[in-house]
Amino acid sequence: MDRRINYLMGLDTETCNGLMVDDKLDLSQSIVYDIGWVVTDKKGRIYETRSFLIYEVFVMMKDVMASAYYADKIPMYWEQVQSGQRKLVKFSTMYNQFWEDVKNYNIKNAFAHNARFDVNALNNTIRFLTKSKKRFFFPYSIEMWDTLKMARQTIGKQKSYRKYCEINNFVTKHRVPQPRLTAEILYRYITGDVTFEESHTGLEDVLIETKIMVHCFRQHKRMEKRLFTKVA
């Protein structure tokens, strides 16, 4: 590890749309079955990639998995597990690897697109699977950044982006339509590929979000990156 580099960790999760509580599906809580992360830097150089399916959810919670928004991808996941493209592991194995990467690369900052969703889902998952012995996935020492927040303050303010979204109808359905800032649309704008479709799998999506993060930094604009701002 080069100690001169400020290593960052980007994460993305795919979730089921709830938990089974008293034989009923509670849609108020999302739980993670697929997580991917990268170790990168502000220039987008990739030093590590990780991709895990969580055994306790993906295999042992079939009723809950059936509620997953992208449940149609389950056969694809099994093919990728069999080919070695993805690892199917227990939550503790994934979590140990997460901690090892955090320590090895001295991670102080992590990021995700619409980070609040991923943070909440990971907290739900660790609480459920450990019976609340552990309540928070991320250590307090890590400051979480939200690339959605970053993009809103940089790319989203550009006339060229607003015009791009208007031309391609990538706008909200509000009374006064606003440019949408999903990772998929932002990546289309950055790459010029209007037909690009997000994979909606953990590792592949975080690679996209890494490019969005880099593009935000390249604007050299002041922006509030933190998901949670500290109160004085």
C-alpha atoms as a PDB file:
ATOM      1  CA  MET A   1       0.000   0.000   0.000  1.00  0.00           C
ATOM      2  CA  ASP A   2       1.259   3.451  -0.952  1.00  0.00           C
ATOM      3  CA  ARG A   3       0.726   5.638   2.117  1.00  0.00           C
ATOM      4  CA  ARG A   4       0.844   8.769  -0.039  1.00  0.00           C
ATOM      5  CA  ILE A   5      -2.522   7.844  -1.574  1.00  0.00           C
ATOM      6  CA  ASN A   6      -5.827   8.766   0.040  1.00  0.00           C
ATOM      7  CA  TYR A   7      -7.697   5.523  -0.603  1.00  0.00           C
ATOM      8  CA  LEU A   8     -11.499   5.621  -0.858  1.00  0.00           C
ATOM      9  CA  MET A   9     -14.059   2.829  -0.751  1.00  0.00           C
ATOM     10  CA  GLY A  10     -17.117   2.823  -2.985  1.00  0.00           C
ATOM     11  CA  LEU A  11     -20.014   0.464  -2.249  1.00  0.00           C
ATOM     12  CA  ASP A  12     -23.270  -0.600  -3.840  1.00  0.00           C
ATOM     13  CA  THR A  13     -25.916  -3.021  -2.583  1.00  0.00           C
ATOM     14  CA  GLU A  14     -28.843  -4.898  -4.048  1.00  0.00           C
ATOM     15  CA  THR A  15     -31.636  -5.670  -1.615  1.00  0.00           C
ATOM     16  CA  CYS A  16     -34.803  -7.596  -0.949  1.00  0.00           C
ATOM     17  CA  ASN A  17     -37.809  -5.403  -0.375  1.00  0.00           C
ATOM     18  CA  GLY A  18     -38.447  -6.450   3.210  1.00  0.00           C
ATOM     19  CA  LEU A  19     -38.085  -8.981   6.017  1.00  0.00           C
ATOM     20  CA  MET A  20     -40.372 -11.812   7.049  1.00  0.00           C
ATOM     21  CA  VAL A  21     -41.812 -10.931  10.472  1.00  0.00           C
ATOM     22  CA  ASP A  22     -44.341 -13.332  12.040  1.00  0.00           C
ATOM     23  CA  ASP A  23     -44.813 -14.995   8.634  1.00  0.00           C
ATOM     24  CA  LYS A  24     -45.604 -11.637   7.030  1.00  0.00           C
ATOM     25  CA  LEU A  25     -43.458  -9.535   4.736  1.00  0.00           C
ATOM     26  CA  ASP A  26     -42.456  -6.257   6.402  1.00  0.00           C
ATOM     27  CA  LEU A  27     -41.721  -3.884   3.518  1.00  0.00           C
ATOM     28  CA  SER A  28     -40.336  -1.194   5.811  1.00  0.00           C
ATOM     29  CA  GLN A  29     -36.918  -2.848   5.956  1.00  0.00           C
ATOM     30  CA  SER A  30     -34.589  -3.699   3.082  1.00  0.00           C
ATOM     31  CA  ILE A  31     -31.984  -6.409   3.505  1.00  0.00           C
ATOM     32  CA  VAL A  32     -28.846  -6.913   1.420  1.00  0.00           C
ATOM     33  CA  TYR A  33     -28.229 -10.013  -0.683  1.00  0.00           C
ATOM     34  CA  ASP A  34     -25.572  -8.607  -3.059  1.00  0.00           C
ATOM     35  CA  ILE A  35     -22.766  -6.219  -2.121  1.00  0.00           C
ATOM     36  CA  GLY A  36     -19.885  -4.965  -4.191  1.00  0.00           C
ATOM     37  CA  TRP A  37     -17.143  -2.526  -3.351  1.00  0.00           C
ATOM     38  CA  VAL A  38     -13.998  -1.049  -4.782  1.00  0.00           C
ATOM     39  CA  VAL A  39     -10.919   0.543  -3.276  1.00  0.00           C
ATOM     40  CA  THR A  40     -10.114   3.552  -5.422  1.00  0.00           C
ATOM     41  CA  ASP A  41      -8.901   7.152  -5.255  1.00  0.00           C
ATOM     42  CA  LYS A  42     -10.178  10.537  -6.424  1.00  0.00           C
ATOM     43  CA  LYS A  43      -8.801   9.865  -9.912  1.00  0.00           C
ATOM     44  CA  GLY A  44     -10.734   6.608 -10.199  1.00  0.00           C
ATOM     45  CA  ARG A  45      -7.784   4.228 -10.172  1.00  0.00           C
ATOM     46  CA  ILE A  46      -8.977   0.829  -8.930  1.00  0.00           C
ATOM     47  CA  TYR A  47      -6.852  -1.072  -6.395  1.00  0.00           C
ATOM     48  CA  GLU A  48      -9.317  -3.758  -5.223  1.00  0.00           C
ATOM     49  CA  THR A  49     -12.707  -5.077  -6.319  1.00  0.00           C
ATOM     50  CA  ARG A  50     -14.991  -7.264  -4.199  1.00  0.00           C
ATOM     51  CA  SER A  51     -18.284  -8.949  -5.035  1.00  0.00           C
ATOM     52  CA  PHE A  52     -20.281 -11.093  -2.603  1.00  0.00           C
ATOM     53  CA  LEU A  53     -23.673 -12.751  -2.424  1.00  0.00           C
ATOM     54  CA  ILE A  54     -24.832 -13.185   1.169  1.00  0.00           C
ATOM     55  CA  TYR A  55     -25.610 -16.865   1.847  1.00  0.00           C
ATOM     56  CA  GLU A  56     -28.007 -16.274   4.754  1.00  0.00           C
ATOM     57  CA  VAL A  57     -30.186 -14.108   2.520  1.00  0.00           C
ATOM     58  CA  PHE A  58     -29.664 -15.368  -1.026  1.00  0.00           C
ATOM     59  CA  VAL A  59     -30.008 -19.071  -0.134  1.00  0.00           C
ATOM     60  CA  MET A  60     -31.671 -19.302   3.265  1.00  0.00           C
ATOM     61  CA  MET A  61     -34.377 -16.648   2.786  1.00  0.00           C
ATOM     62  CA  LYS A  62     -36.047 -17.727  -0.449  1.00  0.00           C
ATOM     63  CA  ASP A  63     -39.399 -16.137   0.419  1.00  0.00           C
ATOM     64  CA  VAL A  64     -37.705 -12.797   0.988  1.00  0.00           C
ATOM     65  CA  MET A  65     -35.550 -13.171  -2.137  1.00  0.00           C
ATOM     66  CA  ALA A  66     -38.721 -13.593  -4.168  1.00  0.00           C
ATOM     67  CA  SER A  67     -39.577 -10.011  -3.181  1.00  0.00           C
ATOM     68  CA  ALA A  68     -36.327  -8.608  -4.555  1.00  0.00           C
ATOM     69  CA  TYR A  69     -36.922  -5.975  -7.229  1.00  0.00           C
ATOM     70  CA  TYR A  70     -34.452  -7.743  -9.526  1.00  0.00           C
ATOM     71  CA  ALA A  71     -35.431 -11.302  -8.557  1.00  0.00           C
ATOM     72  CA  ASP A  72     -35.333 -12.206 -12.250  1.00  0.00           C
ATOM     73  CA  LYS A  73     -31.528 -12.054 -11.987  1.00  0.00           C
ATOM     74  CA  ILE A  74     -31.343 -14.994  -9.554  1.00  0.00           C
ATOM     75  CA  PRO A  75     -30.553 -17.582 -12.301  1.00  0.00           C
ATOM     76  CA  MET A  76     -27.803 -15.282 -13.620  1.00  0.00           C
ATOM     77  CA  TYR A  77     -26.310 -15.026 -10.136  1.00  0.00           C
ATOM     78  CA  TRP A  78     -26.199 -18.811  -9.793  1.00  0.00           C
ATOM     79  CA  GLU A  79     -24.414 -19.112 -13.136  1.00  0.00           C
ATOM     80  CA  GLN A  80     -21.858 -16.540 -12.019  1.00  0.00           C
ATOM     81  CA  VAL A  81     -21.307 -18.324  -8.707  1.00  0.00           C
ATOM     82  CA  GLN A  82     -20.690 -21.589 -10.539  1.00  0.00           C
ATOM     83  CA  SER A  83     -18.250 -19.910 -12.952  1.00  0.00           C
ATOM     84  CA  GLY A  84     -16.390 -18.236 -10.081  1.00  0.00           C
ATOM     85  CA  GLN A  85     -17.336 -14.725 -11.182  1.00  0.00           C
ATOM     86  CA  ARG A  86     -19.025 -14.063  -7.824  1.00  0.00           C
ATOM     87  CA  LYS A  87     -18.548 -15.469  -4.352  1.00  0.00           C
ATOM     88  CA  LEU A  88     -21.407 -16.845  -2.282  1.00  0.00           C
ATOM     89  CA  VAL A  89     -20.332 -16.446   1.346  1.00  0.00           C
ATOM     90  CA  LYS A  90     -21.693 -16.062   4.834  1.00  0.00           C
ATOM     91  CA  PHE A  91     -22.246 -12.519   6.028  1.00  0.00           C
ATOM     92  CA  SER A  92     -19.383 -12.840   8.530  1.00  0.00           C
ATOM     93  CA  THR A  93     -16.933 -13.767   5.750  1.00  0.00           C
ATOM     94  CA  MET A  94     -17.928 -10.713   3.724  1.00  0.00           C
ATOM     95  CA  TYR A  95     -17.747  -8.496   6.803  1.00  0.00           C
ATOM     96  CA  ASN A  96     -14.288  -9.765   7.732  1.00  0.00           C
ATOM     97  CA  GLN A  97     -13.072  -8.929   4.217  1.00  0.00           C
ATOM     98  CA  PHE A  98     -14.637  -5.477   4.505  1.00  0.00           C
ATOM     99  CA  TRP A  99     -12.764  -4.811   7.749  1.00  0.00           C
ATOM    100  CA  GLU A 100      -9.527  -6.179   6.298  1.00  0.00           C
ATOM    101  CA  ASP A 101      -9.762  -3.788   3.329  1.00  0.00           C
ATOM    102  CA  VAL A 102     -10.644  -0.861   5.599  1.00  0.00           C
ATOM    103  CA  LYS A 103      -7.574  -1.539   7.738  1.00  0.00           C
ATOM    104  CA  ASN A 104      -5.167  -2.410   4.910  1.00  0.00           C
ATOM    105  CA  TYR A 105      -5.988   0.743   2.943  1.00  0.00           C
ATOM    106  CA  ASN A 106      -6.622   2.981   5.950  1.00  0.00           C
ATOM    107  CA  ILE A 107     -10.063   3.882   4.628  1.00  0.00           C
ATOM    108  CA  LYS A 108     -11.398   7.132   6.066  1.00  0.00           C
ATOM    109  CA  ASN A 109     -13.993   7.949   3.403  1.00  0.00           C
ATOM    110  CA  ALA A 110     -16.539   5.749   1.635  1.00  0.00           C
ATOM    111  CA  PHE A 111     -19.115   6.681  -0.992  1.00  0.00           C
ATOM    112  CA  ALA A 112     -22.285   5.436  -2.639  1.00  0.00           C
ATOM    113  CA  HIS A 113     -24.950   6.900  -4.911  1.00  0.00           C
ATOM    114  CA  ASN A 114     -28.004   7.727  -2.811  1.00  0.00           C
ATOM    115  CA  ALA A 115     -25.851   6.573   0.084  1.00  0.00           C
ATOM    116  CA  ARG A 116     -28.589   6.780   2.706  1.00  0.00           C
ATOM    117  CA  PHE A 117     -30.306   3.773   1.109  1.00  0.00           C
ATOM    118  CA  ASP A 118     -27.165   1.606   1.209  1.00  0.00           C
ATOM    119  CA  VAL A 119     -26.245   2.643   4.756  1.00  0.00           C
ATOM    120  CA  ASN A 120     -29.746   1.899   6.048  1.00  0.00           C
ATOM    121  CA  ALA A 121     -29.916  -1.433   4.212  1.00  0.00           C
ATOM    122  CA  LEU A 122     -26.536  -2.552   5.563  1.00  0.00           C
ATOM    123  CA  ASN A 123     -27.519  -1.523   9.086  1.00  0.00           C
ATOM    124  CA  ASN A 124     -30.815  -3.451   8.744  1.00  0.00           C
ATOM    125  CA  THR A 125     -28.923  -6.503   7.535  1.00  0.00           C
ATOM    126  CA  ILE A 126     -26.244  -6.578  10.217  1.00  0.00           C
ATOM    127  CA  ARG A 127     -28.836  -6.047  12.951  1.00  0.00           C
ATOM    128  CA  PHE A 128     -31.062  -8.807  11.610  1.00  0.00           C
ATOM    129  CA  LEU A 129     -28.334 -11.386  11.015  1.00  0.00           C
ATOM    130  CA  THR A 130     -26.512 -10.745  14.316  1.00  0.00           C
ATOM    131  CA  LYS A 131     -29.723 -10.371  16.337  1.00  0.00           C
ATOM    132  CA  SER A 132     -28.636  -6.780  17.089  1.00  0.00           C
ATOM    133  CA  LYS A 133     -25.295  -7.791  18.602  1.00  0.00           C
ATOM    134  CA  LYS A 134     -23.912  -5.446  15.951  1.00  0.00           C
ATOM    135  CA  ARG A 135     -26.047  -2.456  15.011  1.00  0.00           C
ATOM    136  CA  PHE A 136     -23.976  -0.423  12.559  1.00  0.00           C
ATOM    137  CA  PHE A 137     -22.143  -1.702   9.493  1.00  0.00           C
ATOM    138  CA  PHE A 138     -19.687   1.162   9.084  1.00  0.00           C
ATOM    139  CA  PRO A 139     -17.219   2.131  11.796  1.00  0.00           C
ATOM    140  CA  TYR A 140     -17.692   5.606  13.219  1.00  0.00           C
ATOM    141  CA  SER A 141     -14.268   6.574  11.878  1.00  0.00           C
ATOM    142  CA  ILE A 142     -15.472   6.390   8.252  1.00  0.00           C
ATOM    143  CA  GLU A 143     -17.097   9.501   6.794  1.00  0.00           C
ATOM    144  CA  MET A 144     -19.744   8.582   4.257  1.00  0.00           C
ATOM    145  CA  TRP A 145     -20.028  10.552   1.006  1.00  0.00           C
ATOM    146  CA  ASP A 146     -23.074  10.606  -1.260  1.00  0.00           C
ATOM    147  CA  THR A 147     -22.344  10.900  -4.988  1.00  0.00           C
ATOM    148  CA  LEU A 148     -25.989  11.845  -5.599  1.00  0.00           C
ATOM    149  CA  LYS A 149     -25.481  14.875  -3.364  1.00  0.00           C
ATOM    150  CA  MET A 150     -22.173  15.625  -5.081  1.00  0.00           C
ATOM    151  CA  ALA A 151     -23.692  15.342  -8.572  1.00  0.00           C
ATOM    152  CA  ARG A 152     -26.628  17.573  -7.646  1.00  0.00           C
ATOM    153  CA  GLN A 153     -24.217  20.366  -6.703  1.00  0.00           C
ATOM    154  CA  THR A 154     -21.941  20.021  -9.745  1.00  0.00           C
ATOM    155  CA  ILE A 155     -23.176  18.152 -12.831  1.00  0.00           C
ATOM    156  CA  GLY A 156     -26.836  18.882 -12.078  1.00  0.00           C
ATOM    157  CA  LYS A 157     -26.229  22.640 -12.235  1.00  0.00           C
ATOM    158  CA  GLN A 158     -24.630  22.564 -15.674  1.00  0.00           C
ATOM    159  CA  LYS A 159     -26.674  23.966 -18.559  1.00  0.00           C
ATOM    160  CA  SER A 160     -25.394  21.188 -20.808  1.00  0.00           C
ATOM    161  CA  TYR A 161     -26.708  18.514 -18.417  1.00  0.00           C
ATOM    162  CA  ARG A 162     -30.089  20.176 -18.045  1.00  0.00           C
ATOM    163  CA  LYS A 163     -30.414  20.432 -21.833  1.00  0.00           C
ATOM    164  CA  TYR A 164     -29.283  16.789 -22.221  1.00  0.00           C
ATOM    165  CA  CYS A 165     -32.014  15.632 -19.824  1.00  0.00           C
ATOM    166  CA  GLU A 166     -34.672  17.763 -21.521  1.00  0.00           C
ATOM    167  CA  ILE A 167     -33.795  16.456 -24.994  1.00  0.00           C
ATOM    168  CA  ASN A 168     -33.841  12.827 -23.836  1.00  0.00           C
ATOM    169  CA  ASN A 169     -36.810  13.234 -21.461  1.00  0.00           C
ATOM    170  CA  PHE A 170     -34.684  12.323 -18.437  1.00  0.00           C
ATOM    171  CA  VAL A 171     -36.727  14.616 -16.211  1.00  0.00           C
ATOM    172  CA  THR A 172     -38.990  14.282 -13.201  1.00  0.00           C
ATOM    173  CA  LYS A 173     -42.778  14.291 -13.472  1.00  0.00           C
ATOM    174  CA  HIS A 174     -43.103  17.287 -11.165  1.00  0.00           C
ATOM    175  CA  ARG A 175     -45.177  20.326 -12.180  1.00  0.00           C
ATOM    176  CA  VAL A 176     -41.852  21.980 -12.988  1.00  0.00           C
ATOM    177  CA  PRO A 177     -39.757  19.093 -14.394  1.00  0.00           C
ATOM    178  CA  GLN A 178     -36.219  18.791 -13.079  1.00  0.00           C
ATOM    179  CA  PRO A 179     -33.274  16.796 -14.481  1.00  0.00           C
ATOM    180  CA  ARG A 180     -33.058  13.307 -12.984  1.00  0.00           C
ATOM    181  CA  LEU A 181     -29.812  12.360 -11.277  1.00  0.00           C
ATOM    182  CA  THR A 182     -29.852   8.583 -11.214  1.00  0.00           C
ATOM    183  CA  ALA A 183     -26.502   6.832 -11.601  1.00  0.00           C
ATOM    184  CA  GLU A 184     -27.661   5.419 -14.935  1.00  0.00           C
ATOM    185  CA  ILE A 185     -28.545   8.819 -16.441  1.00  0.00           C
ATOM    186  CA  LEU A 186     -25.435  10.519 -15.056  1.00  0.00           C
ATOM    187  CA  TYR A 187     -23.265   7.775 -16.563  1.00  0.00           C
ATOM    188  CA  ARG A 188     -25.040   8.146 -19.911  1.00  0.00           C
ATOM    189  CA  TYR A 189     -24.226  11.852 -19.870  1.00  0.00           C
ATOM    190  CA  ILE A 190     -20.593  11.365 -18.843  1.00  0.00           C
ATOM    191  CA  THR A 191     -19.920   8.690 -21.478  1.00  0.00           C
ATOM    192  CA  GLY A 192     -22.189   9.978 -24.217  1.00  0.00           C
ATOM    193  CA  ASP A 193     -23.901   6.572 -24.417  1.00  0.00           C
ATOM    194  CA  VAL A 194     -27.612   7.358 -24.246  1.00  0.00           C
ATOM    195  CA  THR A 195     -28.527   3.648 -24.507  1.00  0.00           C
ATOM    196  CA  PHE A 196     -26.484   2.522 -21.485  1.00  0.00           C
ATOM    197  CA  GLU A 197     -28.431   0.423 -18.964  1.00  0.00           C
ATOM    198  CA  GLU A 198     -27.303  -0.083 -15.390  1.00  0.00           C
ATOM    199  CA  SER A 199     -26.570  -3.681 -14.419  1.00  0.00           C
ATOM    200  CA  HIS A 200     -28.255  -3.449 -10.990  1.00  0.00           C
ATOM    201  CA  THR A 201     -25.650  -5.737  -9.504  1.00  0.00           C
ATOM    202  CA  GLY A 202     -23.401  -4.550  -6.702  1.00  0.00           C
ATOM    203  CA  LEU A 203     -19.887  -4.505  -8.157  1.00  0.00           C
ATOM    204  CA  GLU A 204     -20.841  -3.414 -11.659  1.00  0.00           C
ATOM    205  CA  ASP A 205     -22.914  -0.516 -10.349  1.00  0.00           C
ATOM    206  CA  VAL A 206     -20.260   0.751  -7.954  1.00  0.00           C
ATOM    207  CA  LEU A 207     -17.794   0.929 -10.847  1.00  0.00           C
ATOM    208  CA  ILE A 208     -20.246   3.316 -12.540  1.00  0.00           C
ATOM    209  CA  GLU A 209     -20.643   5.324  -9.346  1.00  0.00           C
ATOM    210  CA  THR A 210     -16.866   5.611  -9.084  1.00  0.00           C
ATOM    211  CA  LYS A 211     -16.769   7.325 -12.478  1.00  0.00           C
ATOM    212  CA  ILE A 212     -19.519   9.707 -11.320  1.00  0.00           C
ATOM    213  CA  MET A 213     -17.513  10.539  -8.205  1.00  0.00           C
ATOM    214  CA  VAL A 214     -14.407  11.243 -10.292  1.00  0.00           C
ATOM    215  CA  HIS A 215     -16.383  13.427 -12.701  1.00  0.00           C
ATOM    216  CA  CYS A 216     -17.741  15.478  -9.781  1.00  0.00           C
ATOM    217  CA  PHE A 217     -14.233  16.120  -8.469  1.00  0.00           C
ATOM    218  CA  ARG A 218     -13.069  17.136 -11.949  1.00  0.00           C
ATOM    219  CA  GLN A 219     -15.492  20.068 -11.886  1.00  0.00           C
ATOM    220  CA  HIS A 220     -13.326  21.699  -9.201  1.00  0.00           C
ATOM    221  CA  LYS A 221     -16.407  23.142  -7.505  1.00  0.00           C
ATOM    222  CA  ARG A 222     -17.098  23.495  -3.809  1.00  0.00           C
ATOM    223  CA  MET A 223     -19.538  20.796  -2.729  1.00  0.00           C
ATOM    224  CA  GLU A 224     -20.816  19.154   0.425  1.00  0.00           C
ATOM    225  CA  LYS A 225     -19.918  15.481   0.082  1.00  0.00           C
ATOM    226  CA  ARG A 226     -20.936  14.159   3.481  1.00  0.00           C
ATOM    227  CA  LEU A 227     -24.104  12.109   3.826  1.00  0.00           C
ATOM    228  CA  PHE A 228     -24.367  13.095   7.477  1.00  0.00           C
ATOM    229  CA  THR A 229     -23.354  16.665   8.310  1.00  0.00           C
ATOM    230  CA  LYS A 230     -22.062  17.208  11.804  1.00  0.00           C
ATOM    231  CA  VAL A 231     -24.041  19.478  14.109  1.00  0.00           C
ATOM    232  CA  ALA A 232     -21.950  22.007  16.056  1.00  0.00           C
END
